[in-house]
N, C-alpha and C. Protein backbone atom coordinates (compact mmCIF):
# COMPACT_ATOMS: atom_id res chain seq x y z
N MET A 1 244.89 53.00 27.35
CA MET A 1 242.94 52.58 27.04
C MET A 1 242.59 50.86 27.37
N LYS A 2 242.96 50.51 27.44
CA LYS A 2 243.34 48.77 28.62
C LYS A 2 242.44 49.27 29.82
N LEU A 3 243.68 49.88 30.61
CA LEU A 3 242.93 50.52 32.05
C LEU A 3 241.41 51.23 31.56
N LEU A 4 240.95 52.17 30.72
CA LEU A 4 239.80 52.50 30.63
C LEU A 4 239.01 52.03 30.50
N ILE A 5 239.10 50.90 29.32
CA ILE A 5 237.82 49.88 29.02
C ILE A 5 237.81 48.53 29.78
N ASP A 6 238.91 48.00 31.17
CA ASP A 6 239.02 47.45 32.27
C ASP A 6 237.63 48.58 32.97
N ILE A 7 238.11 49.69 33.58
CA ILE A 7 237.28 50.26 34.59
C ILE A 7 235.89 50.16 33.51
N ILE A 8 235.54 50.54 32.89
CA ILE A 8 234.42 50.17 32.26
C ILE A 8 233.86 49.63 32.71
N GLY A 9 234.09 48.26 32.17
CA GLY A 9 233.85 46.62 31.92
C GLY A 9 233.60 46.69 33.81
N TRP A 10 234.40 47.27 34.33
CA TRP A 10 233.64 46.63 36.02
C TRP A 10 232.64 47.63 35.86
N ILE A 11 232.27 48.40 35.44
CA ILE A 11 231.08 49.68 35.73
C ILE A 11 230.30 48.69 35.52
N GLY A 12 230.16 48.57 34.49
CA GLY A 12 228.61 47.65 33.83
C GLY A 12 228.97 46.37 34.48
N SER A 13 230.13 46.02 34.95
CA SER A 13 229.33 44.56 35.25
C SER A 13 229.06 44.95 37.05
N ILE A 14 229.00 46.33 38.38
CA ILE A 14 228.47 46.02 38.88
C ILE A 14 226.91 47.41 38.92
N GLU A 15 227.27 47.83 37.84
CA GLU A 15 225.25 48.38 37.46
C GLU A 15 224.74 47.30 37.31
N VAL A 16 225.20 46.34 36.39
CA VAL A 16 224.17 44.96 36.31
C VAL A 16 223.87 44.30 37.38
N ILE A 17 225.01 43.74 38.05
CA ILE A 17 224.68 42.59 39.55
C ILE A 17 223.99 44.11 40.28
N ALA A 18 223.98 45.08 40.57
CA ALA A 18 222.74 46.30 41.35
C ALA A 18 221.96 45.98 40.79
N ALA A 19 221.42 45.67 39.74
CA ALA A 19 219.47 46.30 38.85
C ALA A 19 219.09 44.34 39.92
N TYR A 20 220.36 43.48 39.76
CA TYR A 20 219.34 42.22 39.65
C TYR A 20 219.48 41.95 41.30
N GLY A 21 220.75 42.81 42.13
CA GLY A 21 220.14 43.10 43.61
C GLY A 21 219.19 43.19 44.25
N LEU A 22 219.10 44.42 43.40
CA LEU A 22 217.92 45.46 43.88
C LEU A 22 216.87 44.42 44.19
N ASN A 23 216.51 44.68 42.29
CA ASN A 23 215.66 43.56 42.39
C ASN A 23 215.30 42.03 42.91
N SER A 24 215.93 41.36 43.11
CA SER A 24 215.90 40.21 44.53
C SER A 24 214.88 40.86 45.40
N TYR A 25 216.16 41.56 45.86
CA TYR A 25 215.93 42.54 47.47
C TYR A 25 214.95 43.33 47.74
N GLN A 26 213.67 43.07 46.51
CA GLN A 26 212.36 44.26 46.70
C GLN A 26 212.35 45.45 46.70
N GLN A 27 213.76 46.20 45.75
CA GLN A 27 213.92 47.40 46.72
C GLN A 27 213.57 48.08 45.53
N ILE A 28 213.91 47.00 44.16
CA ILE A 28 213.61 48.56 42.76
C ILE A 28 212.51 46.98 41.80
N LYS A 29 211.42 47.70 41.24
CA LYS A 29 211.13 46.97 40.75
C LYS A 29 211.07 46.94 39.09
N THR A 30 211.26 45.48 38.51
CA THR A 30 211.14 45.12 37.06
C THR A 30 210.53 46.17 36.38
N ASP A 31 209.55 47.41 36.29
CA ASP A 31 208.76 47.73 35.74
C ASP A 31 209.81 49.46 35.71
N SER A 32 210.62 50.03 36.75
CA SER A 32 211.07 50.39 36.92
C SER A 32 212.19 51.63 35.94
N VAL A 33 211.84 52.77 35.73
CA VAL A 33 213.48 53.15 35.07
C VAL A 33 214.61 52.98 35.03
N LEU A 34 215.09 53.06 37.17
CA LEU A 34 215.50 52.87 37.67
C LEU A 34 216.62 51.19 37.09
N PHE A 35 215.71 50.22 37.29
CA PHE A 35 215.68 49.30 37.16
C PHE A 35 216.71 48.76 35.01
N GLN A 36 215.60 49.68 34.38
CA GLN A 36 215.83 49.21 32.95
C GLN A 36 217.07 49.91 32.41
N LEU A 37 216.90 51.24 33.09
CA LEU A 37 218.57 52.34 33.05
C LEU A 37 219.74 51.47 33.37
N LEU A 38 219.95 50.57 34.60
CA LEU A 38 221.17 50.36 34.68
C LEU A 38 221.36 49.07 34.24
N ASN A 39 220.25 48.31 33.67
CA ASN A 39 220.98 46.97 33.15
C ASN A 39 220.92 47.59 31.36
N LEU A 40 220.42 48.67 31.09
CA LEU A 40 221.21 48.96 29.71
C LEU A 40 222.55 49.47 30.11
N THR A 41 222.75 50.91 30.41
CA THR A 41 224.23 51.18 30.34
C THR A 41 225.44 50.02 31.10
N GLY A 42 224.51 49.37 32.01
CA GLY A 42 225.52 48.92 32.40
C GLY A 42 225.89 47.15 31.38
N ALA A 43 225.02 46.97 30.32
CA ALA A 43 225.03 46.03 29.08
C ALA A 43 226.11 46.63 28.45
N LEU A 44 225.52 48.42 27.81
CA LEU A 44 226.70 49.05 27.08
C LEU A 44 228.07 48.87 27.61
N PHE A 45 228.15 48.71 28.86
CA PHE A 45 229.73 49.41 29.33
C PHE A 45 230.10 47.57 28.87
N LEU A 46 229.61 47.10 29.10
CA LEU A 46 229.96 45.81 28.52
C LEU A 46 229.87 45.03 27.39
N ILE A 47 229.59 45.34 26.83
CA ILE A 47 230.07 45.30 24.96
C ILE A 47 231.05 46.30 24.61
N VAL A 48 231.42 47.66 25.16
CA VAL A 48 232.70 48.23 25.04
C VAL A 48 233.44 46.81 25.20
N ASN A 49 234.02 46.24 26.58
CA ASN A 49 233.84 45.66 27.31
C ASN A 49 234.71 44.27 26.68
N THR A 50 233.49 43.85 26.05
CA THR A 50 233.22 42.14 25.31
C THR A 50 233.78 42.07 23.98
N VAL A 51 233.84 44.12 23.66
CA VAL A 51 234.18 44.01 21.85
C VAL A 51 235.56 43.74 22.67
N TYR A 52 235.83 45.12 22.59
CA TYR A 52 236.85 45.55 22.56
C TYR A 52 238.48 43.97 22.94
N TYR A 53 237.81 43.29 23.97
CA TYR A 53 239.23 41.85 23.84
C TYR A 53 238.90 40.58 23.35
N HIS A 54 237.57 40.93 22.20
CA HIS A 54 237.17 40.07 21.43
C HIS A 54 236.19 38.96 21.78
N ALA A 55 235.71 38.85 23.02
CA ALA A 55 234.60 37.96 23.45
C ALA A 55 233.58 38.31 23.07
N TYR A 56 233.42 37.55 21.78
CA TYR A 56 231.73 37.78 20.92
C TYR A 56 230.75 37.52 21.75
N PRO A 57 231.24 35.73 21.81
CA PRO A 57 229.66 35.42 22.27
C PRO A 57 228.88 36.49 23.82
N SER A 58 230.16 36.72 24.66
CA SER A 58 229.39 37.82 25.85
C SER A 58 229.14 39.37 25.34
N ALA A 59 229.67 39.84 23.83
CA ALA A 59 228.93 40.59 23.47
C ALA A 59 227.86 40.60 22.82
N PHE A 60 227.66 39.29 22.62
CA PHE A 60 226.53 38.77 21.78
C PHE A 60 224.85 39.53 23.02
N ILE A 61 225.45 38.44 24.14
CA ILE A 61 224.62 38.30 25.06
C ILE A 61 224.06 40.21 25.53
N ASN A 62 225.19 40.43 25.57
CA ASN A 62 224.89 42.39 26.12
C ASN A 62 224.19 43.09 25.01
N ILE A 63 224.62 42.48 23.75
CA ILE A 63 223.26 43.24 22.69
C ILE A 63 222.12 42.70 23.53
N VAL A 64 221.30 41.51 23.33
CA VAL A 64 220.42 41.36 23.31
C VAL A 64 220.04 41.61 24.70
N TRP A 65 220.69 42.06 26.04
CA TRP A 65 220.66 42.51 26.79
C TRP A 65 219.69 44.52 26.57
N VAL A 66 220.65 44.93 25.73
CA VAL A 66 219.90 46.47 25.66
C VAL A 66 219.64 45.88 24.74
N ILE A 67 218.26 44.90 23.81
CA ILE A 67 217.39 45.24 23.61
C ILE A 67 215.90 45.12 24.01
N ILE A 68 216.81 44.13 25.12
CA ILE A 68 215.28 44.08 26.34
C ILE A 68 215.32 45.35 26.84
N ALA A 69 216.22 46.31 27.14
CA ALA A 69 216.09 47.30 28.23
C ALA A 69 215.23 48.40 27.10
N VAL A 70 216.14 48.71 26.25
CA VAL A 70 215.63 49.32 25.21
C VAL A 70 213.94 49.96 25.23
N LEU A 71 213.38 48.33 24.51
CA LEU A 71 212.14 47.94 24.41
C LEU A 71 211.49 47.87 25.62
N SER A 72 211.57 48.25 26.76
CA SER A 72 210.91 48.17 28.06
C SER A 72 211.54 49.84 28.78
N LEU A 73 211.91 50.39 28.31
CA LEU A 73 211.84 51.96 28.88
C LEU A 73 210.51 52.35 27.78
N VAL A 74 210.86 52.13 26.06
CA VAL A 74 209.89 52.66 25.56
C VAL A 74 208.65 52.66 25.85
N ARG A 75 208.05 51.29 26.21
CA ARG A 75 206.87 50.55 27.14
C ARG A 75 206.57 51.23 28.10
N LEU A 76 207.91 51.72 29.15
CA LEU A 76 207.26 52.32 30.17
C LEU A 76 206.74 54.23 30.06
N PHE A 77 207.10 54.58 28.99
CA PHE A 77 207.29 55.92 28.74
C PHE A 77 205.81 55.61 27.65
N PRO A 78 204.60 56.02 27.80
CA PRO A 78 203.60 55.93 26.46
C PRO A 78 203.48 57.34 26.38
N LYS A 79 203.28 56.90 24.59
CA LYS A 79 203.19 58.10 23.87
C LYS A 79 201.74 58.82 23.82
N LYS A 80 201.63 60.45 24.44
CA LYS A 80 200.99 61.18 25.03
C LYS A 80 199.94 61.44 23.79
N LYS A 81 198.76 60.94 23.76
CA LYS A 81 198.12 61.58 23.23
C LYS A 81 197.49 63.23 22.55
N ALA A 82 197.24 63.33 21.49
CA ALA A 82 197.11 64.78 20.57
C ALA A 82 196.20 65.10 20.88
N ALA A 83 196.00 66.81 21.60
CA ALA A 83 194.91 66.98 21.94
C ALA A 83 193.66 67.18 20.83
N PRO A 84 192.27 67.61 20.96
CA PRO A 84 191.20 67.28 20.23
C PRO A 84 191.07 69.15 20.00
């Protein structure tokens, strides 16, 4: 189980760093679905890892990161208007 949690944590770290790096080098924009999904899944994986290791301050910041990513994704997909 510990190995799986460690792998999940490393994948989450790589995803968050990839999102930041790709954005910093202008390969993706902050309002892209890819950027937000990398942040969302990366933070979720890091939450699993940090809760397992009882690193609650890190878990907290990743929970906030998930909320930001979810709200950004919701904003990217506006609701369609009903046909008259």
